[in-house]
Structure formats: structure tokens, C-alpha cells
Amino acid sequence: MLAQFSRHRHISLAVQSQRYVDMDGFDFYTPISIATKPEVKEVYEKWMAQCADLYQIMTDLQGVALEDARLILPNACCTNFIVTLNLRSLSQICAVRRCDRAQIECRRMVGMMAQQVVAEMKKYGLTWLDDYVEIDPDEYDVVTYADKLFGPNCCQRGYCPEKKGRGGRVPDLYALGEEYWIGEMMKKHDKEETE
């Protein structure tokens, strides 16, 4: 997940170094797709234990440097990091990483980051973040201004920009077709002229 997150621009990451930090007895993450399958989970956990044992043997008994022993650590090994970013960058990250098509672990982490930021913003009187944005409530989900700022692309834009839409949460741009959008723009333009 860190590899995915680090691809975003305009952020600063400080990551725990496996080169200098002894990872003996490391924690690891078990994805839901593995945790829900007992046979697979058992093999997965045994493999993680074997990796941990080999790491300990290499570092404690054989004197292999941490920077070399880290090469056998699995990708599921937990690590700590601190991220520094501005609100614009967070909004951009949320647009991509909170989408239903993003990896669930990344969605959760970025969702928690967004919740913390919104909570902090409310402390400064920005209570309008809980107000709802005007979207046709009979046809699509209603979103808050917080979702508009820090939600997935479909909430921020009001439509799904992916070729495979989100199943009714917001309009699917590709399914509606060009005629629909030209018609909607013309209606909006006509309404503004009459006002």
C-alpha cells in the first residue's frame, strides 16, 4: 500500500527504515480475501512465520546486516510512515484512492485521513461541510460538501469518470452519452438566460 500511496505528487513521506530498524517479530497485514478463506489463511500465516524465523536467524545467529536481511521481508510487513500534504493534494488523493475500484486497504486509510481533516476543519467553524450538495436525490446518492472535497472522483465531479461506472451512485458519464450532457448543458444555459 505504501508503494501506491507514494506515487502521488506534492506529498512528503517519512517512512520507517527497514534498513536500520530491526524487524524481528514484525507485524503483517492479512487481506480480507485471505482472512475469509481458512485454508489459505493458514498457509499464509505459516509463510509469514517462516519469513520471520529466517529473518531472525539471519540477523541474530548469522550476523547478516539488517539492510541485507530486509530483502526477505514480505510486502505484507507493516511499516510506519508520516505524510505531510496540503488540502489540495489530499483532495486529489481521495479522488483516486477512495474510489470503489481502489484497493480496500488504501480506501480505508485515505478515508480515515479525510475524516480527521474534516473533523479538524469543523473545529474552525466549517460546519457547512455537513450540508448536502444538490444532486437529483430521486435518482442518485446525495453527497455532502465534505464528500465533494474529499470523496472519490464520482462525488467530487458528480459523475463517474471511469469507463466502468459505480452502479448507480452517480451518473455514469459514458453510459449517459454525449447527447445527454449536451442537452443538460443547454438546459442550464437556457435557465441562466431566463433568470
C-alpha atoms as a PDB file:
ATOM      1  CA  MET A   1       0.000   0.000   0.000  1.00  0.00           C
ATOM      2  CA  LEU A   2       2.884   2.370   0.736  1.00  0.00           C
ATOM      3  CA  ALA A   3       4.122   1.909  -2.826  1.00  0.00           C
ATOM      4  CA  GLN A   4       0.719   3.012  -4.164  1.00  0.00           C
ATOM      5  CA  PHE A   5       0.472   5.957  -1.802  1.00  0.00           C
ATOM      6  CA  SER A   6       3.991   7.191  -2.549  1.00  0.00           C
ATOM      7  CA  ARG A   7       3.118   7.581  -6.257  1.00  0.00           C
ATOM      8  CA  HIS A   8       1.152  10.760  -5.551  1.00  0.00           C
ATOM      9  CA  ARG A   9       2.862  14.071  -6.204  1.00  0.00           C
ATOM     10  CA  HIS A  10       3.113  17.032  -3.867  1.00  0.00           C
ATOM     11  CA  ILE A  11       3.315  14.997  -0.677  1.00  0.00           C
ATOM     12  CA  SER A  12       6.172  14.428   1.715  1.00  0.00           C
ATOM     13  CA  LEU A  13       6.688  10.973   3.191  1.00  0.00           C
ATOM     14  CA  ALA A  14       8.867   9.964   6.125  1.00  0.00           C
ATOM     15  CA  VAL A  15       8.990   6.161   6.143  1.00  0.00           C
ATOM     16  CA  GLN A  16      10.342   3.859   8.847  1.00  0.00           C
ATOM     17  CA  SER A  17      13.575   2.388   7.551  1.00  0.00           C
ATOM     18  CA  GLN A  18      13.799  -1.392   7.422  1.00  0.00           C
ATOM     19  CA  ARG A  19      17.478  -0.858   6.798  1.00  0.00           C
ATOM     20  CA  TYR A  20      18.093   0.462  10.315  1.00  0.00           C
ATOM     21  CA  VAL A  21      15.084  -0.758  12.317  1.00  0.00           C
ATOM     22  CA  ASP A  22      15.222  -4.367  13.476  1.00  0.00           C
ATOM     23  CA  MET A  23      12.083  -6.021  12.085  1.00  0.00           C
ATOM     24  CA  ASP A  24      12.371  -9.085  14.334  1.00  0.00           C
ATOM     25  CA  GLY A  25       8.854 -10.253  15.180  1.00  0.00           C
ATOM     26  CA  PHE A  26       7.337  -7.959  12.524  1.00  0.00           C
ATOM     27  CA  ASP A  27       3.599  -7.410  12.265  1.00  0.00           C
ATOM     28  CA  PHE A  28       1.920  -8.214   8.978  1.00  0.00           C
ATOM     29  CA  TYR A  29      -1.386  -7.470   7.347  1.00  0.00           C
ATOM     30  CA  THR A  30      -3.852 -10.143   6.286  1.00  0.00           C
ATOM     31  CA  PRO A  31      -6.229  -9.002   3.499  1.00  0.00           C
ATOM     32  CA  ILE A  32      -9.918  -9.840   3.787  1.00  0.00           C
ATOM     33  CA  SER A  33      -9.714 -12.055   0.700  1.00  0.00           C
ATOM     34  CA  ILE A  34      -7.219 -14.258   2.579  1.00  0.00           C
ATOM     35  CA  ALA A  35      -8.685 -13.918   6.089  1.00  0.00           C
ATOM     36  CA  THR A  36     -12.056 -15.257   4.925  1.00  0.00           C
ATOM     37  CA  LYS A  37     -10.571 -18.458   3.483  1.00  0.00           C
ATOM     38  CA  PRO A  38      -9.369 -20.636   6.399  1.00  0.00           C
ATOM     39  CA  GLU A  39      -7.159 -22.945   4.306  1.00  0.00           C
ATOM     40  CA  VAL A  40      -5.443 -20.062   2.542  1.00  0.00           C
ATOM     41  CA  LYS A  41      -5.129 -18.075   5.773  1.00  0.00           C
ATOM     42  CA  GLU A  42      -3.389 -20.991   7.490  1.00  0.00           C
ATOM     43  CA  VAL A  43      -0.774 -21.313   4.722  1.00  0.00           C
ATOM     44  CA  TYR A  44      -0.365 -17.519   4.597  1.00  0.00           C
ATOM     45  CA  GLU A  45       0.299 -17.286   8.343  1.00  0.00           C
ATOM     46  CA  LYS A  46       2.766 -20.190   8.201  1.00  0.00           C
ATOM     47  CA  TRP A  47       4.633 -18.463   5.384  1.00  0.00           C
ATOM     48  CA  MET A  48       4.808 -15.241   7.388  1.00  0.00           C
ATOM     49  CA  ALA A  49       6.130 -17.184  10.391  1.00  0.00           C
ATOM     50  CA  GLN A  50       8.796 -18.811   8.194  1.00  0.00           C
ATOM     51  CA  CYS A  51       9.856 -15.389   6.883  1.00  0.00           C
ATOM     52  CA  ALA A  52      10.055 -14.082  10.466  1.00  0.00           C
ATOM     53  CA  ASP A  53      12.105 -17.115  11.560  1.00  0.00           C
ATOM     54  CA  LEU A  54      14.516 -16.759   8.632  1.00  0.00           C
ATOM     55  CA  TYR A  55      14.903 -13.029   9.325  1.00  0.00           C
ATOM     56  CA  GLN A  56      15.723 -13.749  12.983  1.00  0.00           C
ATOM     57  CA  ILE A  57      18.209 -16.492  12.070  1.00  0.00           C
ATOM     58  CA  MET A  58      19.908 -14.235   9.538  1.00  0.00           C
ATOM     59  CA  THR A  59      20.224 -11.233  11.863  1.00  0.00           C
ATOM     60  CA  ASP A  60      20.690 -12.821  15.304  1.00  0.00           C
ATOM     61  CA  LEU A  61      22.586 -16.030  14.560  1.00  0.00           C
ATOM     62  CA  GLN A  62      24.364 -15.379  11.280  1.00  0.00           C
ATOM     63  CA  GLY A  63      25.167 -11.683  11.708  1.00  0.00           C
ATOM     64  CA  VAL A  64      23.613 -10.604   8.417  1.00  0.00           C
ATOM     65  CA  ALA A  65      23.203  -6.834   8.301  1.00  0.00           C
ATOM     66  CA  LEU A  66      19.632  -5.529   8.705  1.00  0.00           C
ATOM     67  CA  GLU A  67      19.864  -3.818   5.318  1.00  0.00           C
ATOM     68  CA  ASP A  68      20.509  -7.192   3.670  1.00  0.00           C
ATOM     69  CA  ALA A  69      18.141  -9.281   5.799  1.00  0.00           C
ATOM     70  CA  ARG A  70      15.247  -6.939   4.996  1.00  0.00           C
ATOM     71  CA  LEU A  71      15.200  -8.294   1.447  1.00  0.00           C
ATOM     72  CA  ILE A  72      13.322 -11.403   2.599  1.00  0.00           C
ATOM     73  CA  LEU A  73      10.587  -9.405   4.374  1.00  0.00           C
ATOM     74  CA  PRO A  74       7.173  -9.864   2.755  1.00  0.00           C
ATOM     75  CA  ASN A  75       5.217  -6.992   1.183  1.00  0.00           C
ATOM     76  CA  ALA A  76       2.538  -7.526   3.841  1.00  0.00           C
ATOM     77  CA  CYS A  77       5.022  -6.465   6.529  1.00  0.00           C
ATOM     78  CA  CYS A  78       3.664  -3.440   8.410  1.00  0.00           C
ATOM     79  CA  THR A  79       5.669  -0.238   8.427  1.00  0.00           C
ATOM     80  CA  ASN A  80       5.117   3.224   9.850  1.00  0.00           C
ATOM     81  CA  PHE A  81       5.114   6.431   7.872  1.00  0.00           C
ATOM     82  CA  ILE A  82       4.223  10.078   8.298  1.00  0.00           C
ATOM     83  CA  VAL A  83       2.764  12.053   5.440  1.00  0.00           C
ATOM     84  CA  THR A  84       2.688  15.818   5.041  1.00  0.00           C
ATOM     85  CA  LEU A  85       0.421  17.307   2.401  1.00  0.00           C
ATOM     86  CA  ASN A  86      -1.888  20.227   1.732  1.00  0.00           C
ATOM     87  CA  LEU A  87      -5.675  20.083   1.312  1.00  0.00           C
ATOM     88  CA  ARG A  88      -5.471  20.204  -2.474  1.00  0.00           C
ATOM     89  CA  SER A  89      -3.192  17.171  -2.531  1.00  0.00           C
ATOM     90  CA  LEU A  90      -5.440  15.310  -0.077  1.00  0.00           C
ATOM     91  CA  SER A  91      -8.450  16.051  -2.287  1.00  0.00           C
ATOM     92  CA  GLN A  92      -6.594  14.692  -5.317  1.00  0.00           C
ATOM     93  CA  ILE A  93      -5.525  11.544  -3.441  1.00  0.00           C
ATOM     94  CA  CYS A  94      -9.072  10.996  -2.148  1.00  0.00           C
ATOM     95  CA  ALA A  95     -10.462  11.273  -5.678  1.00  0.00           C
ATOM     96  CA  VAL A  96      -8.403   8.282  -6.780  1.00  0.00           C
ATOM     97  CA  ARG A  97      -7.885   6.203  -3.635  1.00  0.00           C
ATOM     98  CA  ARG A  98     -11.416   6.386  -2.194  1.00  0.00           C
ATOM     99  CA  CYS A  99     -12.968   5.019  -5.385  1.00  0.00           C
ATOM    100  CA  ASP A 100     -14.680   1.621  -5.063  1.00  0.00           C
ATOM    101  CA  ARG A 101     -12.197   0.338  -7.637  1.00  0.00           C
ATOM    102  CA  ALA A 102      -9.177   1.183  -5.438  1.00  0.00           C
ATOM    103  CA  GLN A 103      -7.602  -1.352  -3.088  1.00  0.00           C
ATOM    104  CA  ILE A 104      -9.728  -1.638   0.051  1.00  0.00           C
ATOM    105  CA  GLU A 105      -6.822  -1.047   2.453  1.00  0.00           C
ATOM    106  CA  CYS A 106      -5.897   2.168   0.667  1.00  0.00           C
ATOM    107  CA  ARG A 107      -9.555   3.269   0.635  1.00  0.00           C
ATOM    108  CA  ARG A 108      -9.760   2.777   4.397  1.00  0.00           C
ATOM    109  CA  MET A 109      -6.534   4.618   5.176  1.00  0.00           C
ATOM    110  CA  VAL A 110      -7.304   7.601   2.947  1.00  0.00           C
ATOM    111  CA  GLY A 111     -10.887   7.642   4.252  1.00  0.00           C
ATOM    112  CA  MET A 112      -9.599   7.896   7.832  1.00  0.00           C
ATOM    113  CA  MET A 113      -7.248  10.702   6.810  1.00  0.00           C
ATOM    114  CA  ALA A 114     -10.149  12.591   5.226  1.00  0.00           C
ATOM    115  CA  GLN A 115     -12.340  12.089   8.324  1.00  0.00           C
ATOM    116  CA  GLN A 116      -9.626  13.507  10.561  1.00  0.00           C
ATOM    117  CA  VAL A 117      -9.156  16.547   8.322  1.00  0.00           C
ATOM    118  CA  VAL A 118     -12.912  17.219   8.128  1.00  0.00           C
ATOM    119  CA  ALA A 119     -13.171  16.934  11.940  1.00  0.00           C
ATOM    120  CA  GLU A 120     -10.345  19.474  12.322  1.00  0.00           C
ATOM    121  CA  MET A 121     -11.951  21.821   9.786  1.00  0.00           C
ATOM    122  CA  LYS A 122     -15.250  21.706  11.716  1.00  0.00           C
ATOM    123  CA  LYS A 123     -13.419  22.864  14.853  1.00  0.00           C
ATOM    124  CA  TYR A 124     -12.789  26.100  12.966  1.00  0.00           C
ATOM    125  CA  GLY A 125     -16.482  26.626  12.253  1.00  0.00           C
ATOM    126  CA  LEU A 126     -16.710  24.996   8.825  1.00  0.00           C
ATOM    127  CA  THR A 127     -19.992  23.263   9.707  1.00  0.00           C
ATOM    128  CA  TRP A 128     -21.235  23.637   6.118  1.00  0.00           C
ATOM    129  CA  LEU A 129     -19.170  20.531   5.327  1.00  0.00           C
ATOM    130  CA  ASP A 130     -22.191  18.506   6.525  1.00  0.00           C
ATOM    131  CA  ASP A 131     -24.597  20.283   4.147  1.00  0.00           C
ATOM    132  CA  TYR A 132     -25.756  18.407   1.086  1.00  0.00           C
ATOM    133  CA  VAL A 133     -24.822  19.238  -2.491  1.00  0.00           C
ATOM    134  CA  GLU A 134     -27.672  19.479  -4.970  1.00  0.00           C
ATOM    135  CA  ILE A 135     -27.849  16.244  -6.951  1.00  0.00           C
ATOM    136  CA  ASP A 136     -31.081  14.655  -8.103  1.00  0.00           C
ATOM    137  CA  PRO A 137     -31.967  12.774  -4.868  1.00  0.00           C
ATOM    138  CA  ASP A 138     -34.599  10.641  -6.607  1.00  0.00           C
ATOM    139  CA  GLU A 139     -32.047   9.169  -8.966  1.00  0.00           C
ATOM    140  CA  TYR A 140     -28.620   9.269  -7.270  1.00  0.00           C
ATOM    141  CA  ASP A 141     -26.997   9.340  -3.826  1.00  0.00           C
ATOM    142  CA  VAL A 142     -26.838  12.726  -2.156  1.00  0.00           C
ATOM    143  CA  VAL A 143     -23.352  13.822  -1.111  1.00  0.00           C
ATOM    144  CA  THR A 144     -22.096  16.331   1.439  1.00  0.00           C
ATOM    145  CA  TYR A 145     -19.643  19.128   0.765  1.00  0.00           C
ATOM    146  CA  ALA A 146     -17.074  17.053   2.677  1.00  0.00           C
ATOM    147  CA  ASP A 147     -17.604  14.279   0.094  1.00  0.00           C
ATOM    148  CA  LYS A 148     -17.340  16.861  -2.675  1.00  0.00           C
ATOM    149  CA  LEU A 149     -13.932  17.912  -1.313  1.00  0.00           C
ATOM    150  CA  PHE A 150     -12.533  14.620  -0.020  1.00  0.00           C
ATOM    151  CA  GLY A 151     -14.663  11.895  -1.582  1.00  0.00           C
ATOM    152  CA  PRO A 152     -13.951   9.657  -4.562  1.00  0.00           C
ATOM    153  CA  ASN A 153     -13.898  11.094  -8.078  1.00  0.00           C
ATOM    154  CA  CYS A 154     -17.607  10.410  -8.610  1.00  0.00           C
ATOM    155  CA  CYS A 155     -18.574  12.515  -5.564  1.00  0.00           C
ATOM    156  CA  GLN A 156     -16.151  15.305  -6.406  1.00  0.00           C
ATOM    157  CA  ARG A 157     -17.207  15.542 -10.060  1.00  0.00           C
ATOM    158  CA  GLY A 158     -20.832  14.468  -9.836  1.00  0.00           C
ATOM    159  CA  TYR A 159     -20.330  11.662 -12.343  1.00  0.00           C
ATOM    160  CA  CYS A 160     -18.135   8.591 -12.690  1.00  0.00           C
ATOM    161  CA  PRO A 161     -15.142   9.251 -14.979  1.00  0.00           C
ATOM    162  CA  GLU A 162     -14.274   5.544 -15.171  1.00  0.00           C
ATOM    163  CA  LYS A 163     -15.383   3.510 -18.165  1.00  0.00           C
ATOM    164  CA  LYS A 164     -16.896   1.013 -15.746  1.00  0.00           C
ATOM    165  CA  GLY A 165     -19.283   3.117 -13.644  1.00  0.00           C
ATOM    166  CA  ARG A 166     -20.246   2.733  -9.998  1.00  0.00           C
ATOM    167  CA  GLY A 167     -23.612   1.085 -10.288  1.00  0.00           C
ATOM    168  CA  GLY A 168     -25.995   3.983  -9.743  1.00  0.00           C
ATOM    169  CA  ARG A 169     -24.299   6.066  -7.062  1.00  0.00           C
ATOM    170  CA  VAL A 170     -23.801   8.917  -9.526  1.00  0.00           C
ATOM    171  CA  PRO A 171     -24.436   9.234 -13.255  1.00  0.00           C
ATOM    172  CA  ASP A 172     -22.106   7.181 -15.435  1.00  0.00           C
ATOM    173  CA  LEU A 173     -20.744   9.700 -17.946  1.00  0.00           C
ATOM    174  CA  TYR A 174     -20.127   7.062 -20.588  1.00  0.00           C
ATOM    175  CA  ALA A 175     -23.485   5.343 -20.206  1.00  0.00           C
ATOM    176  CA  LEU A 176     -25.432   8.614 -20.436  1.00  0.00           C
ATOM    177  CA  GLY A 177     -23.739   9.567 -23.676  1.00  0.00           C
ATOM    178  CA  GLU A 178     -22.769  12.828 -25.295  1.00  0.00           C
ATOM    179  CA  GLU A 179     -26.353  13.768 -26.255  1.00  0.00           C
ATOM    180  CA  TYR A 180     -27.401  13.746 -22.585  1.00  0.00           C
ATOM    181  CA  TRP A 181     -24.584  16.039 -21.484  1.00  0.00           C
ATOM    182  CA  ILE A 182     -25.077  18.482 -24.366  1.00  0.00           C
ATOM    183  CA  GLY A 183     -28.802  18.536 -23.530  1.00  0.00           C
ATOM    184  CA  GLU A 184     -28.118  19.157 -19.833  1.00  0.00           C
ATOM    185  CA  MET A 185     -25.699  21.972 -20.644  1.00  0.00           C
ATOM    186  CA  MET A 186     -28.274  23.569 -22.961  1.00  0.00           C
ATOM    187  CA  LYS A 187     -30.973  23.365 -20.247  1.00  0.00           C
ATOM    188  CA  LYS A 188     -28.623  25.015 -17.745  1.00  0.00           C
ATOM    189  CA  HIS A 189     -27.680  27.715 -20.256  1.00  0.00           C
ATOM    190  CA  ASP A 190     -31.351  28.413 -21.102  1.00  0.00           C
ATOM    191  CA  LYS A 191     -32.248  28.602 -17.403  1.00  0.00           C
ATOM    192  CA  GLU A 192     -29.437  31.101 -16.724  1.00  0.00           C
ATOM    193  CA  GLU A 193     -30.571  33.298 -19.653  1.00  0.00           C
ATOM    194  CA  THR A 194     -34.153  33.449 -18.381  1.00  0.00           C
ATOM    195  CA  GLU A 195     -33.107  34.444 -14.843  1.00  0.00           C
END
